C-alpha atoms as a PDB file:
ATOM      1  CA  MET A   1       0.667 -56.333  21.595  1.00  0.00           C
ATOM      2  CA  ALA A   2       1.189 -59.737  23.176  1.00  0.00           C
ATOM      3  CA  PRO A   3       2.407 -59.933  26.750  1.00  0.00           C
ATOM      4  CA  GLY A   4       6.172 -60.074  26.800  1.00  0.00           C
ATOM      5  CA  LYS A   5       9.399 -58.204  27.234  1.00  0.00           C
ATOM      6  CA  ASN A   6       8.415 -55.164  25.127  1.00  0.00           C
ATOM      7  CA  SER A   7       5.021 -54.778  26.792  1.00  0.00           C
ATOM      8  CA  SER A   8       6.722 -55.040  30.186  1.00  0.00           C
ATOM      9  CA  LYS A   9       9.119 -52.206  29.281  1.00  0.00           C
ATOM     10  CA  PHE A  10       6.248 -50.143  27.906  1.00  0.00           C
ATOM     11  CA  TRP A  11       4.238 -50.694  31.092  1.00  0.00           C
ATOM     12  CA  SER A  12       7.205 -49.701  33.256  1.00  0.00           C
ATOM     13  CA  VAL A  13       7.571 -46.383  31.452  1.00  0.00           C
ATOM     14  CA  PHE A  14       3.808 -45.817  31.192  1.00  0.00           C
ATOM     15  CA  SER A  15       3.121 -46.526  34.869  1.00  0.00           C
ATOM     16  CA  LEU A  16       6.074 -44.377  35.970  1.00  0.00           C
ATOM     17  CA  ALA A  17       4.807 -41.452  33.893  1.00  0.00           C
ATOM     18  CA  ALA A  18       1.294 -41.864  35.310  1.00  0.00           C
ATOM     19  CA  ALA A  19       2.573 -42.044  38.894  1.00  0.00           C
ATOM     20  CA  LEU A  20       4.768 -38.963  38.460  1.00  0.00           C
ATOM     21  CA  ALA A  21       1.926 -37.009  36.878  1.00  0.00           C
ATOM     22  CA  GLY A  22      -0.435 -38.027  39.676  1.00  0.00           C
ATOM     23  CA  ALA A  23       2.104 -37.010  42.315  1.00  0.00           C
ATOM     24  CA  ALA A  24       2.713 -33.633  40.626  1.00  0.00           C
ATOM     25  CA  VAL A  25      -1.005 -32.845  40.492  1.00  0.00           C
ATOM     26  CA  ALA A  26      -1.427 -33.910  44.127  1.00  0.00           C
ATOM     27  CA  LYS A  27       1.528 -31.784  45.246  1.00  0.00           C
ATOM     28  CA  LYS A  28       0.101 -28.688  43.576  1.00  0.00           C
ATOM     29  CA  GLY A  29      -3.286 -29.268  45.213  1.00  0.00           C
ATOM     30  CA  LEU A  30      -1.631 -29.973  48.568  1.00  0.00           C
ATOM     31  CA  ASN A  31       0.305 -26.715  48.510  1.00  0.00           C
ATOM     32  CA  THR A  32      -2.839 -24.732  47.711  1.00  0.00           C
ATOM     33  CA  THR A  33      -4.869 -26.515  50.397  1.00  0.00           C
ATOM     34  CA  TRP A  34      -2.127 -26.049  53.006  1.00  0.00           C
ATOM     35  CA  ARG A  35      -1.908 -22.304  52.267  1.00  0.00           C
ATOM     36  CA  ALA A  36      -5.689 -21.944  52.511  1.00  0.00           C
ATOM     37  CA  ALA A  37      -5.878 -23.888  55.789  1.00  0.00           C
ATOM     38  CA  THR A  38      -2.864 -22.411  57.581  1.00  0.00           C
ATOM     39  CA  GLY A  39      -2.191 -19.099  55.846  1.00  0.00           C
ATOM     40  CA  LYS A  40       1.445 -20.204  55.399  1.00  0.00           C
ATOM     41  CA  ASN A  41       3.475 -21.991  52.773  1.00  0.00           C
ATOM     42  CA  PRO A  42       4.039 -25.685  53.475  1.00  0.00           C
ATOM     43  CA  PRO A  43       7.355 -26.524  55.119  1.00  0.00           C
ATOM     44  CA  ALA A  44      10.126 -26.861  52.538  1.00  0.00           C
ATOM     45  CA  ASN A  45      11.921 -29.343  54.793  1.00  0.00           C
ATOM     46  CA  PRO A  46       9.880 -30.773  57.681  1.00  0.00           C
ATOM     47  CA  ALA A  47      13.092 -32.108  59.278  1.00  0.00           C
ATOM     48  CA  ASP A  48      14.332 -28.537  59.826  1.00  0.00           C
ATOM     49  CA  PRO A  49      14.326 -27.821  63.598  1.00  0.00           C
ATOM     50  CA  ASP A  50      12.988 -24.314  62.876  1.00  0.00           C
ATOM     51  CA  VAL A  51       9.709 -25.874  61.662  1.00  0.00           C
ATOM     52  CA  ASP A  52       7.220 -26.465  64.501  1.00  0.00           C
ATOM     53  CA  LEU A  53       6.888 -30.159  65.278  1.00  0.00           C
ATOM     54  CA  TRP A  54       3.087 -30.164  64.862  1.00  0.00           C
ATOM     55  CA  GLU A  55       3.482 -28.516  61.455  1.00  0.00           C
ATOM     56  CA  ALA A  56       6.150 -30.998  60.325  1.00  0.00           C
ATOM     57  CA  VAL A  57       4.078 -34.000  61.446  1.00  0.00           C
ATOM     58  CA  ALA A  58       0.871 -32.647  59.907  1.00  0.00           C
ATOM     59  CA  TRP A  59       2.598 -31.877  56.603  1.00  0.00           C
ATOM     60  CA  ALA A  60       4.295 -35.297  56.465  1.00  0.00           C
ATOM     61  CA  ALA A  61       1.034 -37.135  57.180  1.00  0.00           C
ATOM     62  CA  PHE A  62      -1.068 -34.987  54.865  1.00  0.00           C
ATOM     63  CA  SER A  63       1.353 -34.921  51.938  1.00  0.00           C
ATOM     64  CA  GLY A  64       2.443 -38.544  52.224  1.00  0.00           C
ATOM     65  CA  THR A  65      -1.123 -39.812  52.228  1.00  0.00           C
ATOM     66  CA  ALA A  66      -2.295 -37.558  49.407  1.00  0.00           C
ATOM     67  CA  VAL A  67       0.682 -38.216  47.132  1.00  0.00           C
ATOM     68  CA  GLY A  68       0.510 -41.970  47.776  1.00  0.00           C
ATOM     69  CA  LEU A  69      -3.193 -42.066  46.938  1.00  0.00           C
ATOM     70  CA  ALA A  70      -2.723 -39.930  43.825  1.00  0.00           C
ATOM     71  CA  ARG A  71       0.074 -42.180  42.554  1.00  0.00           C
ATOM     72  CA  MET A  72      -1.991 -45.316  43.208  1.00  0.00           C
ATOM     73  CA  LEU A  73      -5.075 -43.900  41.476  1.00  0.00           C
ATOM     74  CA  ALA A  74      -3.038 -42.694  38.480  1.00  0.00           C
ATOM     75  CA  THR A  75      -1.358 -46.088  38.135  1.00  0.00           C
ATOM     76  CA  ARG A  76      -4.722 -47.883  38.345  1.00  0.00           C
ATOM     77  CA  ARG A  77      -6.088 -45.578  35.658  1.00  0.00           C
ATOM     78  CA  ALA A  78      -3.025 -46.287  33.504  1.00  0.00           C
ATOM     79  CA  ALA A  79      -3.530 -50.048  33.995  1.00  0.00           C
ATOM     80  CA  THR A  80      -7.141 -49.757  32.867  1.00  0.00           C
ATOM     81  CA  TYR A  81      -6.094 -47.800  29.765  1.00  0.00           C
ATOM     82  CA  TYR A  82      -3.313 -50.299  29.064  1.00  0.00           C
ATOM     83  CA  ALA A  83      -5.719 -53.236  29.362  1.00  0.00           C
ATOM     84  CA  LYS A  84      -8.276 -51.617  27.043  1.00  0.00           C
ATOM     85  CA  SER A  85      -5.552 -50.798  24.518  1.00  0.00           C
ATOM     86  CA  THR A  86      -3.783 -54.162  24.511  1.00  0.00           C
ATOM     87  CA  GLY A  87      -6.489 -56.602  25.571  1.00  0.00           C
ATOM     88  CA  HIS A  88      -4.591 -57.757  28.665  1.00  0.00           C
ATOM     89  CA  LEU A  89      -3.367 -56.451  31.972  1.00  0.00           C
ATOM     90  CA  PRO A  90       0.187 -55.166  32.258  1.00  0.00           C
ATOM     91  CA  PRO A  91       2.653 -58.008  32.953  1.00  0.00           C
ATOM     92  CA  PRO A  92       3.226 -57.182  36.655  1.00  0.00           C
ATOM     93  CA  LEU A  93      -0.536 -57.197  37.299  1.00  0.00           C
ATOM     94  CA  GLN A  94      -1.422 -60.414  35.487  1.00  0.00           C
ATOM     95  CA  LYS A  95      -0.780 -62.738  38.441  1.00  0.00           C
ATOM     96  CA  ASP A  96      -1.934 -60.833  41.489  1.00  0.00           C
ATOM     97  CA  ASP A  97      -4.187 -63.657  42.819  1.00  0.00           C
ATOM     98  CA  GLN A  98      -6.550 -61.221  44.521  1.00  0.00           C
ATOM     99  CA  LYS A  99      -9.643 -63.379  43.992  1.00  0.00           C
ATOM    100  CA  ALA A 100     -11.309 -64.399  47.258  1.00  0.00           C
ATOM    101  CA  ASP A 101     -11.780 -68.005  46.151  1.00  0.00           C
ATOM    102  CA  ARG A 102      -8.001 -68.320  45.645  1.00  0.00           C
ATOM    103  CA  ALA A 103      -7.014 -66.722  48.934  1.00  0.00           C
ATOM    104  CA  PRO A 104      -5.415 -68.968  51.513  1.00  0.00           C
ATOM    105  CA  ALA A 105      -7.578 -69.970  54.442  1.00  0.00           C
ATOM    106  CA  PRO A 106      -7.061 -67.742  57.485  1.00  0.00           C
ATOM    107  CA  THR A 107      -5.015 -69.258  60.265  1.00  0.00           C
ATOM    108  CA  THR A 108      -5.638 -68.555  63.912  1.00  0.00           C
END
């Protein structure tokens, strides 16, 4: 598959599915870990005033970090699979200019 409109659509769907799957797995693990650590279910809505502030903040920090990392790792894994299958990176990742020799000089 040559890079183009169809591969871009495929990547969009593929990366979305990977990110959602990663987030779902992370959420299940988070819930189990939270129950084991606190002996309670995680807050259904941390914004609820009946939830202790420390619990709401801890849950938001813990779940946000874990779900974000899981989504990023799943999307990276999907990009690797995509590249091995097609012979090129997904269209949105082809021009990321992350090479150190191409980085702009730091300004002070």
